Amino acid sequence: MIEVQHPPKRLWQKITAIIAKLSFLTTAVGIVLTLIYAGDVNEANKASMGAITFISFAIGVVLQVMASTSIPSLKPDQD
């Protein structure tokens, strides 16, 4: 069987990986802030902080998948 050779990561994949890590960091900060201020704010603010934390996590997952995808070259061999 022919082994597929994957191209190296492109610049935008590297940038996307950095943004994904920042999104996960934002998620961690959001969780900490939500736990700290859970008793001091009303229900609408708690729901908003939870929603922002969830969206940040979801964005991080999507961007991490995009950054880690390795697409092989689909050009046919020139024999």
PDB file of N, CA and C in Angstrom:
ATOM      1  N   MET A   1       0.838  -1.174   0.000  1.00  0.00           N
ATOM      2  CA  MET A   1       0.000   0.000   0.000  1.00  0.00           C
ATOM      3  C   MET A   1       0.887   1.243   0.000  1.00  0.00           C
ATOM      4  N   ILE A   2       0.473   2.248  -0.718  1.00  0.00           N
ATOM      5  CA  ILE A   2       1.224   3.495  -0.813  1.00  0.00           C
ATOM      6  C   ILE A   2       0.950   4.344   0.426  1.00  0.00           C
ATOM      7  N   GLU A   3       2.007   4.822   1.037  1.00  0.00           N
ATOM      8  CA  GLU A   3       1.860   5.655   2.225  1.00  0.00           C
ATOM      9  C   GLU A   3       1.570   7.093   1.796  1.00  0.00           C
ATOM     10  N   VAL A   4       0.557   7.670   2.392  1.00  0.00           N
ATOM     11  CA  VAL A   4       0.166   9.037   2.074  1.00  0.00           C
ATOM     12  C   VAL A   4       1.089  10.001   2.793  1.00  0.00           C
ATOM     13  N   GLN A   5       1.604  10.967   2.059  1.00  0.00           N
ATOM     14  CA  GLN A   5       2.463  11.979   2.678  1.00  0.00           C
ATOM     15  C   GLN A   5       1.650  13.250   2.886  1.00  0.00           C
ATOM     16  N   HIS A   6       1.624  13.682   4.128  1.00  0.00           N
ATOM     17  CA  HIS A   6       0.864  14.876   4.475  1.00  0.00           C
ATOM     18  C   HIS A   6       1.775  16.098   4.412  1.00  0.00           C
ATOM     19  N   PRO A   7       1.252  17.184   3.881  1.00  0.00           N
ATOM     20  CA  PRO A   7       2.070  18.399   3.830  1.00  0.00           C
ATOM     21  C   PRO A   7       2.250  18.988   5.230  1.00  0.00           C
ATOM     22  N   PRO A   8       3.270  19.792   5.424  1.00  0.00           N
ATOM     23  CA  PRO A   8       3.436  20.436   6.735  1.00  0.00           C
ATOM     24  C   PRO A   8       2.299  21.422   6.998  1.00  0.00           C
ATOM     25  N   LYS A   9       2.154  21.767   8.256  1.00  0.00           N
ATOM     26  CA  LYS A   9       1.098  22.708   8.627  1.00  0.00           C
ATOM     27  C   LYS A   9       1.343  24.054   7.969  1.00  0.00           C
ATOM     28  N   ARG A  10       0.294  24.653   7.516  1.00  0.00           N
ATOM     29  CA  ARG A  10       0.383  25.956   6.868  1.00  0.00           C
ATOM     30  C   ARG A  10       0.346  27.066   7.923  1.00  0.00           C
ATOM     31  N   LEU A  11       0.664  28.270   7.495  1.00  0.00           N
ATOM     32  CA  LEU A  11       0.709  29.419   8.410  1.00  0.00           C
ATOM     33  C   LEU A  11      -0.639  29.612   9.106  1.00  0.00           C
ATOM     34  N   TRP A  12      -1.734  29.527   8.352  1.00  0.00           N
ATOM     35  CA  TRP A  12      -3.041  29.774   8.954  1.00  0.00           C
ATOM     36  C   TRP A  12      -3.416  28.675   9.950  1.00  0.00           C
ATOM     37  N   GLN A  13      -2.927  27.455   9.741  1.00  0.00           N
ATOM     38  CA  GLN A  13      -3.182  26.402  10.720  1.00  0.00           C
ATOM     39  C   GLN A  13      -2.431  26.687  12.016  1.00  0.00           C
ATOM     40  N   LYS A  14      -1.237  27.235  11.908  1.00  0.00           N
ATOM     41  CA  LYS A  14      -0.481  27.586  13.115  1.00  0.00           C
ATOM     42  C   LYS A  14      -1.148  28.737  13.855  1.00  0.00           C
ATOM     43  N   ILE A  15      -1.629  29.721  13.112  1.00  0.00           N
ATOM     44  CA  ILE A  15      -2.328  30.854  13.729  1.00  0.00           C
ATOM     45  C   ILE A  15      -3.618  30.374  14.393  1.00  0.00           C
ATOM     46  N   THR A  16      -4.332  29.476  13.723  1.00  0.00           N
ATOM     47  CA  THR A  16      -5.563  28.929  14.277  1.00  0.00           C
ATOM     48  C   THR A  16      -5.295  28.161  15.565  1.00  0.00           C
ATOM     49  N   ALA A  17      -4.185  27.434  15.629  1.00  0.00           N
ATOM     50  CA  ALA A  17      -3.835  26.696  16.847  1.00  0.00           C
ATOM     51  C   ALA A  17      -3.582  27.663  18.003  1.00  0.00           C
ATOM     52  N   ILE A  18      -2.935  28.780  17.730  1.00  0.00           N
ATOM     53  CA  ILE A  18      -2.686  29.777  18.777  1.00  0.00           C
ATOM     54  C   ILE A  18      -4.002  30.380  19.269  1.00  0.00           C
ATOM     55  N   ILE A  19      -4.893  30.707  18.333  1.00  0.00           N
ATOM     56  CA  ILE A  19      -6.190  31.277  18.717  1.00  0.00           C
ATOM     57  C   ILE A  19      -7.002  30.259  19.514  1.00  0.00           C
ATOM     58  N   ALA A  20      -6.904  28.980  19.155  1.00  0.00           N
ATOM     59  CA  ALA A  20      -7.618  27.934  19.898  1.00  0.00           C
ATOM     60  C   ALA A  20      -7.117  27.863  21.335  1.00  0.00           C
ATOM     61  N   LYS A  21      -5.806  27.944  21.511  1.00  0.00           N
ATOM     62  CA  LYS A  21      -5.249  27.911  22.870  1.00  0.00           C
ATOM     63  C   LYS A  21      -5.692  29.138  23.671  1.00  0.00           C
ATOM     64  N   LEU A  22      -5.758  30.296  23.025  1.00  0.00           N
ATOM     65  CA  LEU A  22      -6.255  31.496  23.698  1.00  0.00           C
ATOM     66  C   LEU A  22      -7.733  31.341  24.067  1.00  0.00           C
ATOM     67  N   SER A  23      -8.488  30.682  23.216  1.00  0.00           N
ATOM     68  CA  SER A  23      -9.897  30.450  23.511  1.00  0.00           C
ATOM     69  C   SER A  23     -10.055  29.519  24.710  1.00  0.00           C
ATOM     70  N   PHE A  24      -9.221  28.486  24.801  1.00  0.00           N
ATOM     71  CA  PHE A  24      -9.272  27.608  25.971  1.00  0.00           C
ATOM     72  C   PHE A  24      -8.851  28.348  27.235  1.00  0.00           C
ATOM     73  N   LEU A  25      -7.880  29.248  27.111  1.00  0.00           N
ATOM     74  CA  LEU A  25      -7.481  30.073  28.254  1.00  0.00           C
ATOM     75  C   LEU A  25      -8.643  30.972  28.695  1.00  0.00           C
ATOM     76  N   THR A  26      -9.335  31.551  27.730  1.00  0.00           N
ATOM     77  CA  THR A  26     -10.499  32.379  28.032  1.00  0.00           C
ATOM     78  C   THR A  26     -11.583  31.553  28.723  1.00  0.00           C
ATOM     79  N   THR A  27     -11.738  30.309  28.296  1.00  0.00           N
ATOM     80  CA  THR A  27     -12.703  29.424  28.939  1.00  0.00           C
ATOM     81  C   THR A  27     -12.340  29.195  30.399  1.00  0.00           C
ATOM     82  N   ALA A  28     -11.070  28.952  30.676  1.00  0.00           N
ATOM     83  CA  ALA A  28     -10.636  28.735  32.059  1.00  0.00           C
ATOM     84  C   ALA A  28     -10.877  29.979  32.909  1.00  0.00           C
ATOM     85  N   VAL A  29     -10.558  31.134  32.361  1.00  0.00           N
ATOM     86  CA  VAL A  29     -10.798  32.388  33.091  1.00  0.00           C
ATOM     87  C   VAL A  29     -12.296  32.578  33.325  1.00  0.00           C
ATOM     88  N   GLY A  30     -13.099  32.254  32.322  1.00  0.00           N
ATOM     89  CA  GLY A  30     -14.554  32.380  32.466  1.00  0.00           C
ATOM     90  C   GLY A  30     -15.111  31.479  33.546  1.00  0.00           C
ATOM     91  N   ILE A  31     -14.585  30.262  33.628  1.00  0.00           N
ATOM     92  CA  ILE A  31     -15.042  29.339  34.674  1.00  0.00           C
ATOM     93  C   ILE A  31     -14.683  29.879  36.052  1.00  0.00           C
ATOM     94  N   VAL A  32     -13.462  30.363  36.197  1.00  0.00           N
ATOM     95  CA  VAL A  32     -13.027  30.900  37.491  1.00  0.00           C
ATOM     96  C   VAL A  32     -13.868  32.119  37.883  1.00  0.00           C
ATOM     97  N   LEU A  33     -14.089  33.025  36.936  1.00  0.00           N
ATOM     98  CA  LEU A  33     -14.887  34.217  37.245  1.00  0.00           C
ATOM     99  C   LEU A  33     -16.337  33.860  37.560  1.00  0.00           C
ATOM    100  N   THR A  34     -16.874  32.885  36.861  1.00  0.00           N
ATOM    101  CA  THR A  34     -18.244  32.457  37.132  1.00  0.00           C
ATOM    102  C   THR A  34     -18.347  31.869  38.540  1.00  0.00           C
ATOM    103  N   LEU A  35     -17.350  31.088  38.945  1.00  0.00           N
ATOM    104  CA  LEU A  35     -17.379  30.518  40.293  1.00  0.00           C
ATOM    105  C   LEU A  35     -17.175  31.574  41.366  1.00  0.00           C
ATOM    106  N   ILE A  36     -16.313  32.558  41.095  1.00  0.00           N
ATOM    107  CA  ILE A  36     -16.054  33.600  42.091  1.00  0.00           C
ATOM    108  C   ILE A  36     -17.272  34.491  42.289  1.00  0.00           C
ATOM    109  N   TYR A  37     -17.890  34.908  41.181  1.00  0.00           N
ATOM    110  CA  TYR A  37     -18.995  35.860  41.273  1.00  0.00           C
ATOM    111  C   TYR A  37     -20.371  35.193  41.237  1.00  0.00           C
ATOM    112  N   ALA A  38     -20.446  33.905  41.471  1.00  0.00           N
ATOM    113  CA  ALA A  38     -21.728  33.194  41.384  1.00  0.00           C
ATOM    114  C   ALA A  38     -22.759  33.727  42.377  1.00  0.00           C
ATOM    115  N   GLY A  39     -22.342  34.090  43.558  1.00  0.00           N
ATOM    116  CA  GLY A  39     -23.292  34.568  44.561  1.00  0.00           C
ATOM    117  C   GLY A  39     -23.537  36.059  44.522  1.00  0.00           C
ATOM    118  N   ASP A  40     -22.713  36.811  43.802  1.00  0.00           N
ATOM    119  CA  ASP A  40     -22.799  38.266  43.836  1.00  0.00           C
ATOM    120  C   ASP A  40     -23.637  38.874  42.716  1.00  0.00           C
ATOM    121  N   VAL A  41     -23.997  38.082  41.707  1.00  0.00           N
ATOM    122  CA  VAL A  41     -24.717  38.640  40.562  1.00  0.00           C
ATOM    123  C   VAL A  41     -26.081  37.972  40.433  1.00  0.00           C
ATOM    124  N   ASN A  42     -26.953  38.606  39.646  1.00  0.00           N
ATOM    125  CA  ASN A  42     -28.284  38.020  39.469  1.00  0.00           C
ATOM    126  C   ASN A  42     -28.236  36.882  38.446  1.00  0.00           C
ATOM    127  N   GLU A  43     -29.363  36.206  38.275  1.00  0.00           N
ATOM    128  CA  GLU A  43     -29.428  35.010  37.424  1.00  0.00           C
ATOM    129  C   GLU A  43     -29.107  35.313  35.963  1.00  0.00           C
ATOM    130  N   ALA A  44     -29.517  36.467  35.471  1.00  0.00           N
ATOM    131  CA  ALA A  44     -29.259  36.805  34.066  1.00  0.00           C
ATOM    132  C   ALA A  44     -27.759  36.966  33.808  1.00  0.00           C
ATOM    133  N   ASN A  45     -27.057  37.576  34.740  1.00  0.00           N
ATOM    134  CA  ASN A  45     -25.613  37.742  34.572  1.00  0.00           C
ATOM    135  C   ASN A  45     -24.878  36.409  34.669  1.00  0.00           C
ATOM    136  N   LYS A  46     -25.334  35.528  35.578  1.00  0.00           N
ATOM    137  CA  LYS A  46     -24.724  34.202  35.676  1.00  0.00           C
ATOM    138  C   LYS A  46     -24.935  33.409  34.387  1.00  0.00           C
ATOM    139  N   ALA A  47     -26.129  33.512  33.834  1.00  0.00           N
ATOM    140  CA  ALA A  47     -26.410  32.806  32.586  1.00  0.00           C
ATOM    141  C   ALA A  47     -25.556  33.358  31.446  1.00  0.00           C
ATOM    142  N   SER A  48     -25.368  34.653  31.422  1.00  0.00           N
ATOM    143  CA  SER A  48     -24.538  35.269  30.385  1.00  0.00           C
ATOM    144  C   SER A  48     -23.082  34.831  30.509  1.00  0.00           C
ATOM    145  N   MET A  49     -22.566  34.805  31.733  1.00  0.00           N
ATOM    146  CA  MET A  49     -21.177  34.371  31.927  1.00  0.00           C
ATOM    147  C   MET A  49     -21.006  32.905  31.546  1.00  0.00           C
ATOM    148  N   GLY A  50     -21.988  32.076  31.876  1.00  0.00           N
ATOM    149  CA  GLY A  50     -21.935  30.673  31.490  1.00  0.00           C
ATOM    150  C   GLY A  50     -22.003  30.487  29.982  1.00  0.00           C
ATOM    151  N   ALA A  51     -22.829  31.286  29.323  1.00  0.00           N
ATOM    152  CA  ALA A  51     -22.956  31.182  27.874  1.00  0.00           C
ATOM    153  C   ALA A  51     -21.669  31.604  27.174  1.00  0.00           C
ATOM    154  N   ILE A  52     -21.058  32.669  27.643  1.00  0.00           N
ATOM    155  CA  ILE A  52     -19.795  33.121  27.045  1.00  0.00           C
ATOM    156  C   ILE A  52     -18.707  32.075  27.250  1.00  0.00           C
ATOM    157  N   THR A  53     -18.688  31.453  28.420  1.00  0.00           N
ATOM    158  CA  THR A  53     -17.705  30.408  28.695  1.00  0.00           C
ATOM    159  C   THR A  53     -17.915  29.210  27.771  1.00  0.00           C
ATOM    160  N   PHE A  54     -19.164  28.802  27.585  1.00  0.00           N
ATOM    161  CA  PHE A  54     -19.461  27.677  26.704  1.00  0.00           C
ATOM    162  C   PHE A  54     -19.098  27.988  25.255  1.00  0.00           C
ATOM    163  N   ILE A  55     -19.452  29.164  24.771  1.00  0.00           N
ATOM    164  CA  ILE A  55     -19.137  29.555  23.388  1.00  0.00           C
ATOM    165  C   ILE A  55     -17.624  29.588  23.188  1.00  0.00           C
ATOM    166  N   SER A  56     -16.905  30.111  24.167  1.00  0.00           N
ATOM    167  CA  SER A  56     -15.451  30.165  24.063  1.00  0.00           C
ATOM    168  C   SER A  56     -14.861  28.761  23.972  1.00  0.00           C
ATOM    169  N   PHE A  57     -15.397  27.826  24.751  1.00  0.00           N
ATOM    170  CA  PHE A  57     -14.924  26.443  24.695  1.00  0.00           C
ATOM    171  C   PHE A  57     -15.238  25.817  23.338  1.00  0.00           C
ATOM    172  N   ALA A  58     -16.445  26.048  22.835  1.00  0.00           N
ATOM    173  CA  ALA A  58     -16.843  25.475  21.545  1.00  0.00           C
ATOM    174  C   ALA A  58     -15.979  26.024  20.414  1.00  0.00           C
ATOM    175  N   ILE A  59     -15.686  27.305  20.450  1.00  0.00           N
ATOM    176  CA  ILE A  59     -14.810  27.905  19.439  1.00  0.00           C
ATOM    177  C   ILE A  59     -13.418  27.293  19.523  1.00  0.00           C
ATOM    178  N   GLY A  60     -12.930  27.085  20.731  1.00  0.00           N
ATOM    179  CA  GLY A  60     -11.616  26.466  20.901  1.00  0.00           C
ATOM    180  C   GLY A  60     -11.553  25.067  20.324  1.00  0.00           C
ATOM    181  N   VAL A  61     -12.620  24.280  20.523  1.00  0.00           N
ATOM    182  CA  VAL A  61     -12.650  22.919  19.983  1.00  0.00           C
ATOM    183  C   VAL A  61     -12.629  22.949  18.458  1.00  0.00           C
ATOM    184  N   VAL A  62     -13.457  23.785  17.865  1.00  0.00           N
ATOM    185  CA  VAL A  62     -13.523  23.861  16.405  1.00  0.00           C
ATOM    186  C   VAL A  62     -12.187  24.327  15.822  1.00  0.00           C
ATOM    187  N   LEU A  63     -11.603  25.346  16.397  1.00  0.00           N
ATOM    188  CA  LEU A  63     -10.329  25.850  15.878  1.00  0.00           C
ATOM    189  C   LEU A  63      -9.202  24.847  16.074  1.00  0.00           C
ATOM    190  N   GLN A  64      -9.220  24.102  17.173  1.00  0.00           N
ATOM    191  CA  GLN A  64      -8.189  23.087  17.391  1.00  0.00           C
ATOM    192  C   GLN A  64      -8.295  21.972  16.356  1.00  0.00           C
ATOM    193  N   VAL A  65      -9.509  21.578  16.016  1.00  0.00           N
ATOM    194  CA  VAL A  65      -9.700  20.553  14.985  1.00  0.00           C
ATOM    195  C   VAL A  65      -9.216  21.074  13.637  1.00  0.00           C
ATOM    196  N   MET A  66      -9.529  22.327  13.332  1.00  0.00           N
ATOM    197  CA  MET A  66      -9.068  22.901  12.068  1.00  0.00           C
ATOM    198  C   MET A  66      -7.548  22.971  12.015  1.00  0.00           C
ATOM    199  N   ALA A  67      -6.928  23.289  13.137  1.00  0.00           N
ATOM    200  CA  ALA A  67      -5.472  23.420  13.167  1.00  0.00           C
ATOM    201  C   ALA A  67      -4.768  22.076  13.089  1.00  0.00           C
ATOM    202  N   SER A  68      -5.407  21.017  13.582  1.00  0.00           N
ATOM    203  CA  SER A  68      -4.741  19.725  13.615  1.00  0.00           C
ATOM    204  C   SER A  68      -5.048  18.856  12.400  1.00  0.00           C
ATOM    205  N   THR A  69      -5.907  19.317  11.507  1.00  0.00           N
ATOM    206  CA  THR A  69      -6.263  18.536  10.330  1.00  0.00           C
ATOM    207  C   THR A  69      -5.095  18.497   9.361  1.00  0.00           C
ATOM    208  N   SER A  70      -4.829  17.319   8.856  1.00  0.00           N
ATOM    209  CA  SER A  70      -3.757  17.148   7.876  1.00  0.00           C
ATOM    210  C   SER A  70      -4.378  16.628   6.588  1.00  0.00           C
ATOM    211  N   ILE A  71      -4.406  17.466   5.591  1.00  0.00           N
ATOM    212  CA  ILE A  71      -5.015  17.099   4.319  1.00  0.00           C
ATOM    213  C   ILE A  71      -3.907  16.710   3.356  1.00  0.00           C
ATOM    214  N   PRO A  72      -3.969  15.508   2.815  1.00  0.00           N
ATOM    215  CA  PRO A  72      -2.928  15.089   1.875  1.00  0.00           C
ATOM    216  C   PRO A  72      -3.051  15.832   0.550  1.00  0.00           C
ATOM    217  N   SER A  73      -1.991  15.858  -0.179  1.00  0.00           N
ATOM    218  CA  SER A  73      -2.000  16.468  -1.492  1.00  0.00           C
ATOM    219  C   SER A  73      -2.852  15.607  -2.420  1.00  0.00           C
ATOM    220  N   LEU A  74      -3.789  16.211  -3.107  1.00  0.00           N
ATOM    221  CA  LEU A  74      -4.681  15.476  -3.987  1.00  0.00           C
ATOM    222  C   LEU A  74      -4.253  15.552  -5.444  1.00  0.00           C
ATOM    223  N   LYS A  75      -3.098  16.111  -5.708  1.00  0.00           N
ATOM    224  CA  LYS A  75      -2.606  16.187  -7.074  1.00  0.00           C
ATOM    225  C   LYS A  75      -2.154  14.793  -7.532  1.00  0.00           C
ATOM    226  N   PRO A  76      -2.528  14.394  -8.740  1.00  0.00           N
ATOM    227  CA  PRO A  76      -2.067  13.078  -9.224  1.00  0.00           C
ATOM    228  C   PRO A  76      -0.584  13.098  -9.533  1.00  0.00           C
ATOM    229  N   ASP A  77       0.048  11.944  -9.389  1.00  0.00           N
ATOM    230  CA  ASP A  77       1.474  11.838  -9.698  1.00  0.00           C
ATOM    231  C   ASP A  77       1.703  12.037 -11.184  1.00  0.00           C
ATOM    232  N   GLN A  78       2.785  12.707 -11.504  1.00  0.00           N
ATOM    233  CA  GLN A  78       3.169  12.948 -12.893  1.00  0.00           C
ATOM    234  C   GLN A  78       4.132  11.862 -13.333  1.00  0.00           C
ATOM    235  N   ASP A  79       3.602  10.692 -13.730  1.00  0.00           N
ATOM    236  CA  ASP A  79       4.452   9.576 -14.129  1.00  0.00           C
ATOM    237  C   ASP A  79       4.882   9.666 -15.561  1.00  0.00           C
TER     238      ASP A  79
END
